[in-house]
Protein backbone atom coordinates (compact mmCIF):
# COMPACT_ATOMS: atom_id res chain seq x y z
CA UNK A 1 0.00 0.00 0.00
CA UNK A 2 1.23 3.46 -0.84
CA UNK A 3 1.41 6.27 1.68
CA UNK A 4 -1.77 8.18 2.47
CA UNK A 5 -2.91 10.76 -0.05
CA UNK A 6 -5.01 13.88 0.39
CA UNK A 7 -7.85 12.11 -1.40
CA UNK A 8 -8.53 8.96 0.62
CA UNK A 9 -11.65 8.21 -1.43
CA UNK A 10 -9.45 7.79 -4.53
CA UNK A 11 -7.05 5.60 -2.58
CA UNK A 12 -9.93 3.28 -1.67
CA UNK A 13 -10.85 2.97 -5.34
CA UNK A 14 -7.38 1.70 -6.30
CA UNK A 15 -8.23 -1.78 -5.02
CA UNK A 16 -11.63 -1.96 -6.73
CA UNK A 17 -11.64 -4.67 -9.40
CA UNK A 18 -13.50 -2.48 -11.92
CA UNK A 19 -12.21 1.00 -11.11
CA UNK A 20 -8.76 0.33 -9.66
CA UNK A 21 -6.70 0.81 -12.79
CA UNK A 22 -8.35 4.14 -13.65
CA UNK A 23 -8.09 5.31 -10.04
CA UNK A 24 -4.35 4.52 -9.97
CA UNK A 25 -3.91 6.36 -13.27
CA UNK A 26 -5.62 9.47 -11.93
CA UNK A 27 -3.66 9.33 -8.67
CA UNK A 28 -0.42 9.11 -10.66
CA UNK A 29 -1.36 12.19 -12.66
CA UNK A 30 -2.35 14.06 -9.52
CA UNK A 31 0.97 13.18 -7.90
CA UNK A 32 2.84 14.37 -10.99
CA UNK A 33 0.96 17.54 -11.87
CA UNK A 34 -0.86 18.71 -8.77
CA UNK A 35 1.24 17.66 -5.79
CA UNK A 36 4.55 18.17 -7.59
CA UNK A 37 6.33 17.06 -4.45
CA UNK A 38 5.44 13.42 -4.85
CA UNK A 39 7.23 12.19 -7.98
CA UNK A 40 8.10 8.92 -6.22
CA UNK A 41 4.42 8.06 -5.84
CA UNK A 42 3.77 8.94 -9.46
CA UNK A 43 6.73 6.73 -10.51
CA UNK A 44 5.28 3.71 -8.73
CA UNK A 45 1.88 4.17 -10.33
CA UNK A 46 3.14 4.94 -13.85
CA UNK A 47 5.57 2.00 -13.70
CA UNK A 48 2.70 -0.29 -12.76
CA UNK A 49 0.63 0.99 -15.66
CA UNK A 50 3.52 0.34 -18.07
CA UNK A 51 3.83 -3.25 -16.86
CA UNK A 52 0.11 -3.82 -17.34
CA UNK A 53 0.33 -2.61 -20.95
CA UNK A 54 -2.63 -1.36 -22.89
CA UNK A 55 -3.58 1.99 -24.40
CA UNK A 56 -1.88 4.12 -21.72
CA UNK A 57 1.52 2.45 -21.90
CA UNK A 58 3.14 5.13 -24.10
CA UNK A 59 1.78 7.99 -22.01
CA UNK A 60 2.81 6.19 -18.82
CA UNK A 61 6.41 5.94 -20.07
CA UNK A 62 6.45 9.61 -21.03
CA UNK A 63 4.96 10.55 -17.66
CA UNK A 64 7.56 8.41 -15.91
CA UNK A 65 10.24 10.39 -17.74
CA UNK A 66 8.61 13.61 -16.53
CA UNK A 67 8.75 12.44 -12.92
CA UNK A 68 12.52 12.12 -13.25
CA UNK A 69 12.79 15.54 -14.91
CA UNK A 70 10.79 17.10 -12.07
CA UNK A 71 13.06 15.34 -9.58
CA UNK A 72 16.20 16.64 -11.34
CA UNK A 73 17.26 13.07 -12.09
CA UNK A 74 18.21 13.89 -15.65
CA UNK A 75 20.40 10.84 -16.27
CA UNK A 76 17.48 8.51 -15.57
CA UNK A 77 15.12 10.69 -17.60
CA UNK A 78 17.46 10.45 -20.59
CA UNK A 79 17.91 6.69 -20.12
CA UNK A 80 14.13 6.29 -20.19
CA UNK A 81 13.98 8.62 -23.21
CA UNK A 82 16.16 6.07 -25.04
CA UNK A 83 13.63 3.39 -24.09
CA UNK A 84 10.82 5.61 -25.35
CA UNK A 85 12.59 6.25 -28.67
CA UNK A 86 13.13 2.53 -29.23
CA UNK A 87 9.53 1.64 -28.40
CA UNK A 88 7.83 4.62 -30.08
CA UNK A 89 10.14 6.09 -32.75
CA UNK A 90 7.29 8.20 -34.14
CA UNK A 91 5.36 8.38 -30.91
CA UNK A 92 2.96 10.98 -29.63
CA UNK A 93 5.63 12.47 -27.36
CA UNK A 94 8.65 12.12 -29.69
CA UNK A 95 9.02 15.89 -30.16
CA UNK A 96 8.89 16.54 -26.42
CA UNK A 97 11.48 13.80 -25.88
CA UNK A 98 13.72 15.52 -28.44
CA UNK A 99 13.25 18.79 -26.54
CA UNK A 100 14.30 17.11 -23.29
CA UNK A 101 17.37 15.69 -25.02
CA UNK A 102 18.41 19.18 -26.06
CA UNK A 103 17.53 20.94 -22.83
CA UNK A 104 18.39 18.57 -19.97
CA UNK A 105 22.17 18.42 -20.48
CA UNK A 106 22.35 22.21 -20.08
CA UNK A 107 20.05 22.52 -17.09
CA UNK A 108 22.46 20.99 -14.59
C-alpha cells in the first residue's frame, strides 16, 4: 500500500476490481501535476501501468520520464527517453522527448 494521499476516497478505489486501474492512473497524474512534491508516488503508479500494458503504456512511459525531470534526475530521464525512442520512434511524445534531449544536459 502506498502512503496516504489527500484524497482517501481515490485511494480506496485503487483496489476496486473495476475501477482500480483508472483510479491509480488518476492518482499518478495528480501526484505528478498537482502535488509536484510526490514524484516517487507517481513513478510507482506509472511504472505499474507500463507493466500492465494497454492503451496508456506510451503515455505512462512519457509521464515516468517527466517524474525524473521534475526530480532533477536527468540521467534517468534520458535513459528512459532512449527506451521511449526505441519503443515509439514516431510516438505521440517524440518531439517533447527531443526537446528534453536538447535541454536537460544544459540545465544541470
